[in-house]
Amino acid sequence: MFVRKYFLIIIIFVISSSTFGQSGGLNFTLAFPDGEFKDQLKQTGLGLSVEGLFLGPNEYSPFGIGANFSFLNYGNESRRAPWSHTIPDVTVDVDRSYNIMQFHLLFRIAPTMNVVRPYVDLLFGGSYLFTETKVISTNKGEEVTSSTNFDDWAWSYGFGGGIMFKVYENPDENLGKIYVDLKVRMLKGSTAEYLKEGSVEVNPSTGRVTYYTSRSKTDLITANLGVVAYFSSFGNF
């Protein structure tokens, strides 16, 4: 349920960016744990992020302000289990996912250029780390119920850089230009507790669940590939 609300927020953010903001973009993201986080978590995270600038760099100022939302998955587990001890002849699929959701305020510095746009970003925000388990009907493939097994919050800040290449320009001022966006970011995260693949132990005979949590700083290096659209002439250099 929390994830659904999160994606609803993202949709509203994208729509509001296209209506009131300077630009909006969608990115495919790879997240590589760094430092202590890498020692605990070996797996690369995969996900999507949306980003928008409410105030874009322009010919009068090289500074921009916006926000970034990201959803990252760093592990999944599945098993088939009886619906209950009293109904063992009905089975369901149990899917567990290990995820990170991030929100960052974004401050951008970019030179006045048109076809190719390099930029540098500063970010301040946080990460919500959570493990969610869903029960899926084996017949219909529909979600029956879900629960958040464990969650924690970590503050984060960082910096990054990128470059955009113009691939399309429309004379309609409501959708001026479209760019391919490449960027890399380094995020320093505070200490948090979290679960990872193999850290949830279920005893099928007793129904007892044991969580073996990990604790570390939550530094990440992200690589992003996406598309950015400028919605008005105010966002143009």
C-alpha atoms as a PDB file:
ATOM      1  CA  MET A   1       0.000   0.000   0.000  1.00  0.00           C
ATOM      2  CA  PHE A   2       2.844   2.379   0.860  1.00  0.00           C
ATOM      3  CA  VAL A   3       4.499   1.740  -2.517  1.00  0.00           C
ATOM      4  CA  ARG A   4       1.257   2.494  -4.339  1.00  0.00           C
ATOM      5  CA  LYS A   5       0.938   5.806  -2.495  1.00  0.00           C
ATOM      6  CA  TYR A   6       4.551   6.571  -3.370  1.00  0.00           C
ATOM      7  CA  PHE A   7       3.974   6.011  -7.079  1.00  0.00           C
ATOM      8  CA  LEU A   8       0.824   8.156  -6.883  1.00  0.00           C
ATOM      9  CA  ILE A   9       2.986  10.947  -5.480  1.00  0.00           C
ATOM     10  CA  ILE A  10       5.416  10.453  -8.371  1.00  0.00           C
ATOM     11  CA  ILE A  11       2.615  10.678 -10.954  1.00  0.00           C
ATOM     12  CA  ILE A  12       1.306  13.880  -9.351  1.00  0.00           C
ATOM     13  CA  PHE A  13       4.860  15.233  -9.309  1.00  0.00           C
ATOM     14  CA  VAL A  14       5.374  14.546 -13.011  1.00  0.00           C
ATOM     15  CA  ILE A  15       2.019  16.092 -13.946  1.00  0.00           C
ATOM     16  CA  SER A  16       2.645  19.167 -11.817  1.00  0.00           C
ATOM     17  CA  SER A  17       6.132  19.537 -13.294  1.00  0.00           C
ATOM     18  CA  SER A  18       4.718  19.513 -16.805  1.00  0.00           C
ATOM     19  CA  THR A  19       2.063  22.037 -15.807  1.00  0.00           C
ATOM     20  CA  PHE A  20       3.898  24.427 -13.522  1.00  0.00           C
ATOM     21  CA  GLY A  21       7.577  23.507 -13.677  1.00  0.00           C
ATOM     22  CA  GLN A  22      10.462  24.066 -16.043  1.00  0.00           C
ATOM     23  CA  SER A  23      11.352  20.464 -16.886  1.00  0.00           C
ATOM     24  CA  GLY A  24      10.554  16.857 -16.051  1.00  0.00           C
ATOM     25  CA  GLY A  25      12.443  13.649 -16.701  1.00  0.00           C
ATOM     26  CA  LEU A  26      12.347   9.885 -16.253  1.00  0.00           C
ATOM     27  CA  ASN A  27      15.509   7.856 -15.655  1.00  0.00           C
ATOM     28  CA  PHE A  28      16.554   4.220 -15.496  1.00  0.00           C
ATOM     29  CA  THR A  29      18.875   3.945 -12.483  1.00  0.00           C
ATOM     30  CA  LEU A  30      21.637   1.576 -11.392  1.00  0.00           C
ATOM     31  CA  ALA A  31      22.624   1.932  -7.717  1.00  0.00           C
ATOM     32  CA  PHE A  32      25.976   0.625  -6.480  1.00  0.00           C
ATOM     33  CA  PRO A  33      26.454   0.345  -2.679  1.00  0.00           C
ATOM     34  CA  ASP A  34      29.636   2.037  -1.491  1.00  0.00           C
ATOM     35  CA  GLY A  35      31.809   1.866   1.632  1.00  0.00           C
ATOM     36  CA  GLU A  36      30.209   0.073   4.596  1.00  0.00           C
ATOM     37  CA  PHE A  37      27.039  -0.434   2.584  1.00  0.00           C
ATOM     38  CA  LYS A  38      29.007  -2.334  -0.056  1.00  0.00           C
ATOM     39  CA  ASP A  39      30.531  -4.580   2.627  1.00  0.00           C
ATOM     40  CA  GLN A  40      27.046  -5.572   3.770  1.00  0.00           C
ATOM     41  CA  LEU A  41      25.174  -5.497   0.476  1.00  0.00           C
ATOM     42  CA  LYS A  42      26.831  -6.970  -2.606  1.00  0.00           C
ATOM     43  CA  GLN A  43      23.921  -6.594  -4.993  1.00  0.00           C
ATOM     44  CA  THR A  44      23.409  -3.721  -7.431  1.00  0.00           C
ATOM     45  CA  GLY A  45      20.090  -1.926  -7.122  1.00  0.00           C
ATOM     46  CA  LEU A  46      17.814  -1.401 -10.125  1.00  0.00           C
ATOM     47  CA  GLY A  47      15.071   1.156 -10.406  1.00  0.00           C
ATOM     48  CA  LEU A  48      13.483   4.266 -11.813  1.00  0.00           C
ATOM     49  CA  SER A  49      13.613   7.911 -10.857  1.00  0.00           C
ATOM     50  CA  VAL A  50      11.680  11.009 -11.821  1.00  0.00           C
ATOM     51  CA  GLU A  51      13.155  14.472 -11.644  1.00  0.00           C
ATOM     52  CA  GLY A  52      11.895  17.962 -12.222  1.00  0.00           C
ATOM     53  CA  LEU A  53      13.175  21.517 -12.072  1.00  0.00           C
ATOM     54  CA  PHE A  54      10.810  24.132 -10.705  1.00  0.00           C
ATOM     55  CA  LEU A  55      13.324  26.835 -11.583  1.00  0.00           C
ATOM     56  CA  GLY A  56      15.635  25.996 -14.465  1.00  0.00           C
ATOM     57  CA  PRO A  57      18.980  27.540 -15.420  1.00  0.00           C
ATOM     58  CA  ASN A  58      18.502  30.203 -18.087  1.00  0.00           C
ATOM     59  CA  GLU A  59      20.305  32.981 -19.880  1.00  0.00           C
ATOM     60  CA  TYR A  60      20.038  35.195 -16.788  1.00  0.00           C
ATOM     61  CA  SER A  61      21.183  32.703 -14.147  1.00  0.00           C
ATOM     62  CA  PRO A  62      23.094  29.379 -14.201  1.00  0.00           C
ATOM     63  CA  PHE A  63      21.257  28.107 -11.092  1.00  0.00           C
ATOM     64  CA  GLY A  64      18.285  25.740 -10.918  1.00  0.00           C
ATOM     65  CA  ILE A  65      16.160  24.201  -8.140  1.00  0.00           C
ATOM     66  CA  GLY A  66      14.133  20.984  -8.298  1.00  0.00           C
ATOM     67  CA  ALA A  67      13.474  17.578  -6.766  1.00  0.00           C
ATOM     68  CA  ASN A  68      14.220  13.924  -7.450  1.00  0.00           C
ATOM     69  CA  PHE A  69      12.214  10.800  -6.496  1.00  0.00           C
ATOM     70  CA  SER A  70      13.736   7.318  -6.884  1.00  0.00           C
ATOM     71  CA  PHE A  71      12.577   3.750  -6.327  1.00  0.00           C
ATOM     72  CA  LEU A  72      15.312   1.086  -6.163  1.00  0.00           C
ATOM     73  CA  ASN A  73      15.065  -2.666  -5.713  1.00  0.00           C
ATOM     74  CA  TYR A  74      18.110  -4.565  -4.419  1.00  0.00           C
ATOM     75  CA  GLY A  75      16.736  -8.063  -3.965  1.00  0.00           C
ATOM     76  CA  ASN A  76      13.782 -10.434  -4.341  1.00  0.00           C
ATOM     77  CA  GLU A  77      12.798 -13.820  -2.942  1.00  0.00           C
ATOM     78  CA  SER A  78       9.848 -16.082  -3.762  1.00  0.00           C
ATOM     79  CA  ARG A  79       8.447 -19.280  -2.348  1.00  0.00           C
ATOM     80  CA  ARG A  80       5.208 -21.291  -2.419  1.00  0.00           C
ATOM     81  CA  ALA A  81       3.580 -21.928   0.955  1.00  0.00           C
ATOM     82  CA  PRO A  82       0.323 -23.248   2.460  1.00  0.00           C
ATOM     83  CA  TRP A  83      -2.325 -20.614   3.059  1.00  0.00           C
ATOM     84  CA  SER A  84      -2.317 -21.529   6.762  1.00  0.00           C
ATOM     85  CA  HIS A  85      -1.646 -24.424   9.156  1.00  0.00           C
ATOM     86  CA  THR A  86      -5.366 -25.176   9.211  1.00  0.00           C
ATOM     87  CA  ILE A  87      -5.699 -24.999   5.396  1.00  0.00           C
ATOM     88  CA  PRO A  88      -2.498 -26.701   4.149  1.00  0.00           C
ATOM     89  CA  ASP A  89      -4.121 -27.929   0.934  1.00  0.00           C
ATOM     90  CA  VAL A  90      -4.408 -24.355  -0.445  1.00  0.00           C
ATOM     91  CA  THR A  91      -1.103 -22.801  -1.488  1.00  0.00           C
ATOM     92  CA  VAL A  92      -0.096 -19.240  -2.360  1.00  0.00           C
ATOM     93  CA  ASP A  93       2.990 -17.540  -3.747  1.00  0.00           C
ATOM     94  CA  VAL A  94       4.917 -15.449  -1.228  1.00  0.00           C
ATOM     95  CA  ASP A  95       7.079 -12.736  -2.806  1.00  0.00           C
ATOM     96  CA  ARG A  96       9.494 -10.640  -0.763  1.00  0.00           C
ATOM     97  CA  SER A  97      11.237  -7.515  -2.082  1.00  0.00           C
ATOM     98  CA  TYR A  98      14.041  -5.386  -0.642  1.00  0.00           C
ATOM     99  CA  ASN A  99      13.724  -1.753  -1.639  1.00  0.00           C
ATOM    100  CA  ILE A 100      14.914   1.819  -1.220  1.00  0.00           C
ATOM    101  CA  MET A 101      12.864   4.924  -1.909  1.00  0.00           C
ATOM    102  CA  GLN A 102      14.645   8.257  -2.065  1.00  0.00           C
ATOM    103  CA  PHE A 103      13.641  11.891  -2.068  1.00  0.00           C
ATOM    104  CA  HIS A 104      16.163  14.682  -2.639  1.00  0.00           C
ATOM    105  CA  LEU A 105      16.008  18.400  -3.158  1.00  0.00           C
ATOM    106  CA  LEU A 106      18.148  19.288  -6.133  1.00  0.00           C
ATOM    107  CA  PHE A 107      20.312  22.349  -6.759  1.00  0.00           C
ATOM    108  CA  ARG A 108      21.779  22.585 -10.263  1.00  0.00           C
ATOM    109  CA  ILE A 109      24.515  24.695 -11.838  1.00  0.00           C
ATOM    110  CA  ALA A 110      24.670  24.681 -15.642  1.00  0.00           C
ATOM    111  CA  PRO A 111      26.229  26.910 -18.300  1.00  0.00           C
ATOM    112  CA  THR A 112      24.227  28.619 -21.025  1.00  0.00           C
ATOM    113  CA  MET A 113      24.240  26.076 -23.856  1.00  0.00           C
ATOM    114  CA  ASN A 114      21.620  24.658 -26.204  1.00  0.00           C
ATOM    115  CA  VAL A 115      22.400  21.407 -28.045  1.00  0.00           C
ATOM    116  CA  VAL A 116      24.691  19.937 -25.361  1.00  0.00           C
ATOM    117  CA  ARG A 117      24.066  20.822 -21.699  1.00  0.00           C
ATOM    118  CA  PRO A 118      26.606  19.761 -19.032  1.00  0.00           C
ATOM    119  CA  TYR A 119      25.631  20.360 -15.412  1.00  0.00           C
ATOM    120  CA  VAL A 120      26.606  19.808 -11.763  1.00  0.00           C
ATOM    121  CA  ASP A 121      24.104  18.912  -9.018  1.00  0.00           C
ATOM    122  CA  LEU A 122      24.010  19.142  -5.221  1.00  0.00           C
ATOM    123  CA  LEU A 123      21.424  16.978  -3.413  1.00  0.00           C
ATOM    124  CA  PHE A 124      19.955  16.936   0.090  1.00  0.00           C
ATOM    125  CA  GLY A 125      17.316  14.487   1.320  1.00  0.00           C
ATOM    126  CA  GLY A 126      16.911  10.946   2.539  1.00  0.00           C
ATOM    127  CA  SER A 127      16.272   7.270   1.852  1.00  0.00           C
ATOM    128  CA  TYR A 128      13.502   4.988   3.104  1.00  0.00           C
ATOM    129  CA  LEU A 129      14.751   1.390   3.255  1.00  0.00           C
ATOM    130  CA  PHE A 130      12.050  -1.244   3.560  1.00  0.00           C
ATOM    131  CA  THR A 131      11.351  -4.932   3.049  1.00  0.00           C
ATOM    132  CA  GLU A 132       7.871  -5.886   1.873  1.00  0.00           C
ATOM    133  CA  THR A 133       6.216  -9.302   1.602  1.00  0.00           C
ATOM    134  CA  LYS A 134       3.210  -9.950  -0.655  1.00  0.00           C
ATOM    135  CA  VAL A 135       0.897 -12.938  -0.821  1.00  0.00           C
ATOM    136  CA  ILE A 136      -0.128 -13.701  -4.422  1.00  0.00           C
ATOM    137  CA  SER A 137      -2.992 -15.962  -5.508  1.00  0.00           C
ATOM    138  CA  THR A 138      -1.572 -18.895  -7.499  1.00  0.00           C
ATOM    139  CA  ASN A 139      -4.688 -19.132  -9.673  1.00  0.00           C
ATOM    140  CA  LYS A 140      -5.376 -15.498 -10.586  1.00  0.00           C
ATOM    141  CA  GLY A 141      -1.955 -14.005  -9.923  1.00  0.00           C
ATOM    142  CA  GLU A 142      -3.581 -11.237  -7.866  1.00  0.00           C
ATOM    143  CA  GLU A 143      -2.209  -9.730  -4.673  1.00  0.00           C
ATOM    144  CA  VAL A 144      -4.113 -11.025  -1.650  1.00  0.00           C
ATOM    145  CA  THR A 145      -2.356  -9.073   1.068  1.00  0.00           C
ATOM    146  CA  SER A 146       0.989  -7.455   1.854  1.00  0.00           C
ATOM    147  CA  SER A 147       3.015  -6.305   4.820  1.00  0.00           C
ATOM    148  CA  THR A 148       6.129  -4.247   5.490  1.00  0.00           C
ATOM    149  CA  ASN A 149       8.462  -6.548   7.424  1.00  0.00           C
ATOM    150  CA  PHE A 150      11.107  -4.001   8.382  1.00  0.00           C
ATOM    151  CA  ASP A 151      11.917  -0.390   7.556  1.00  0.00           C
ATOM    152  CA  ASP A 152      14.224   2.463   8.497  1.00  0.00           C
ATOM    153  CA  TRP A 153      15.151   5.966   7.390  1.00  0.00           C
ATOM    154  CA  ALA A 154      18.556   7.427   6.488  1.00  0.00           C
ATOM    155  CA  TRP A 155      19.437  11.046   5.725  1.00  0.00           C
ATOM    156  CA  SER A 156      21.614  11.601   2.693  1.00  0.00           C
ATOM    157  CA  TYR A 157      23.404  14.262   0.716  1.00  0.00           C
ATOM    158  CA  GLY A 158      25.646  14.213  -2.305  1.00  0.00           C
ATOM    159  CA  PHE A 159      26.745  15.623  -5.589  1.00  0.00           C
ATOM    160  CA  GLY A 160      26.867  14.569  -9.192  1.00  0.00           C
ATOM    161  CA  GLY A 161      27.289  15.628 -12.751  1.00  0.00           C
ATOM    162  CA  GLY A 162      25.782  14.901 -16.089  1.00  0.00           C
ATOM    163  CA  ILE A 163      25.324  15.903 -19.665  1.00  0.00           C
ATOM    164  CA  MET A 164      22.217  16.234 -21.826  1.00  0.00           C
ATOM    165  CA  PHE A 165      22.014  15.949 -25.620  1.00  0.00           C
ATOM    166  CA  LYS A 166      19.152  17.539 -27.520  1.00  0.00           C
ATOM    167  CA  VAL A 167      17.307  15.007 -29.698  1.00  0.00           C
ATOM    168  CA  TYR A 168      14.112  16.887 -30.537  1.00  0.00           C
ATOM    169  CA  GLU A 169      12.821  20.446 -30.677  1.00  0.00           C
ATOM    170  CA  ASN A 170       9.187  21.479 -31.040  1.00  0.00           C
ATOM    171  CA  PRO A 171       8.158  25.022 -31.930  1.00  0.00           C
ATOM    172  CA  ASP A 172       5.212  24.605 -29.534  1.00  0.00           C
ATOM    173  CA  GLU A 173       6.353  26.517 -26.451  1.00  0.00           C
ATOM    174  CA  ASN A 174       4.559  24.075 -24.102  1.00  0.00           C
ATOM    175  CA  LEU A 175       7.006  21.322 -25.048  1.00  0.00           C
ATOM    176  CA  GLY A 176      10.071  23.101 -26.287  1.00  0.00           C
ATOM    177  CA  LYS A 177      12.878  20.539 -26.310  1.00  0.00           C
ATOM    178  CA  ILE A 178      13.635  16.911 -25.456  1.00  0.00           C
ATOM    179  CA  TYR A 179      17.053  15.705 -24.289  1.00  0.00           C
ATOM    180  CA  VAL A 180      18.749  12.388 -23.587  1.00  0.00           C
ATOM    181  CA  ASP A 181      20.201  12.647 -20.081  1.00  0.00           C
ATOM    182  CA  LEU A 182      23.308  10.864 -18.724  1.00  0.00           C
ATOM    183  CA  LYS A 183      24.432  11.411 -15.125  1.00  0.00           C
ATOM    184  CA  VAL A 184      26.342   9.933 -12.194  1.00  0.00           C
ATOM    185  CA  ARG A 185      25.801  10.777  -8.526  1.00  0.00           C
ATOM    186  CA  MET A 186      27.551  10.010  -5.241  1.00  0.00           C
ATOM    187  CA  LEU A 187      25.254   9.978  -2.206  1.00  0.00           C
ATOM    188  CA  LYS A 188      26.504   9.823   1.388  1.00  0.00           C
ATOM    189  CA  GLY A 189      23.878   8.225   3.640  1.00  0.00           C
ATOM    190  CA  SER A 190      23.601   8.114   7.415  1.00  0.00           C
ATOM    191  CA  THR A 191      23.486   4.849   9.381  1.00  0.00           C
ATOM    192  CA  ALA A 192      20.364   2.671   9.062  1.00  0.00           C
ATOM    193  CA  GLU A 193      19.182  -0.863   9.775  1.00  0.00           C
ATOM    194  CA  TYR A 194      17.853  -2.976   6.933  1.00  0.00           C
ATOM    195  CA  LEU A 195      17.242  -6.497   5.683  1.00  0.00           C
ATOM    196  CA  LYS A 196      18.801  -8.154   2.658  1.00  0.00           C
ATOM    197  CA  GLU A 197      18.379 -11.406   0.752  1.00  0.00           C
ATOM    198  CA  GLY A 198      18.718 -14.394   3.085  1.00  0.00           C
ATOM    199  CA  SER A 199      18.192 -12.344   6.260  1.00  0.00           C
ATOM    200  CA  VAL A 200      14.591 -13.491   6.850  1.00  0.00           C
ATOM    201  CA  GLU A 201      14.255 -16.986   8.320  1.00  0.00           C
ATOM    202  CA  VAL A 202      10.847 -18.679   8.373  1.00  0.00           C
ATOM    203  CA  ASN A 203      10.245 -21.832  10.401  1.00  0.00           C
ATOM    204  CA  PRO A 204       7.441 -23.630   8.504  1.00  0.00           C
ATOM    205  CA  SER A 205       6.569 -25.931  11.426  1.00  0.00           C
ATOM    206  CA  THR A 206       6.067 -23.186  14.013  1.00  0.00           C
ATOM    207  CA  GLY A 207       5.368 -20.189  11.770  1.00  0.00           C
ATOM    208  CA  ARG A 208       8.036 -18.222  13.631  1.00  0.00           C
ATOM    209  CA  VAL A 209       9.869 -15.532  11.630  1.00  0.00           C
ATOM    210  CA  THR A 210      13.363 -14.334  12.565  1.00  0.00           C
ATOM    211  CA  TYR A 211      14.923 -11.181  11.109  1.00  0.00           C
ATOM    212  CA  TYR A 212      18.699 -10.827  10.919  1.00  0.00           C
ATOM    213  CA  THR A 213      19.195  -7.121  10.341  1.00  0.00           C
ATOM    214  CA  SER A 214      22.288  -5.386   9.024  1.00  0.00           C
ATOM    215  CA  ARG A 215      23.441  -1.954  10.135  1.00  0.00           C
ATOM    216  CA  SER A 216      25.759   0.423   8.286  1.00  0.00           C
ATOM    217  CA  LYS A 217      26.025   3.744   6.564  1.00  0.00           C
ATOM    218  CA  THR A 218      24.020   3.828   3.327  1.00  0.00           C
ATOM    219  CA  ASP A 219      26.336   5.366   0.734  1.00  0.00           C
ATOM    220  CA  LEU A 220      25.362   4.877  -2.911  1.00  0.00           C
ATOM    221  CA  ILE A 221      26.796   5.636  -6.333  1.00  0.00           C
ATOM    222  CA  THR A 222      24.105   5.880  -8.994  1.00  0.00           C
ATOM    223  CA  ALA A 223      24.333   5.838 -12.780  1.00  0.00           C
ATOM    224  CA  ASN A 224      21.315   7.184 -14.667  1.00  0.00           C
ATOM    225  CA  LEU A 225      20.096   7.149 -18.255  1.00  0.00           C
ATOM    226  CA  GLY A 226      16.905   8.972 -19.123  1.00  0.00           C
ATOM    227  CA  VAL A 227      14.897  11.501 -21.082  1.00  0.00           C
ATOM    228  CA  VAL A 228      14.183  15.113 -20.076  1.00  0.00           C
ATOM    229  CA  ALA A 229      11.512  17.395 -21.532  1.00  0.00           C
ATOM    230  CA  TYR A 230      11.495  21.182 -21.135  1.00  0.00           C
ATOM    231  CA  PHE A 231       7.915  22.381 -20.897  1.00  0.00           C
ATOM    232  CA  SER A 232       8.286  26.116 -21.357  1.00  0.00           C
ATOM    233  CA  SER A 233      10.639  28.708 -22.705  1.00  0.00           C
ATOM    234  CA  PHE A 234      11.561  29.647 -19.110  1.00  0.00           C
ATOM    235  CA  GLY A 235      13.593  26.456 -18.847  1.00  0.00           C
ATOM    236  CA  ASN A 236      15.626  27.152 -21.975  1.00  0.00           C
ATOM    237  CA  PHE A 237      19.150  28.484 -21.915  1.00  0.00           C
END
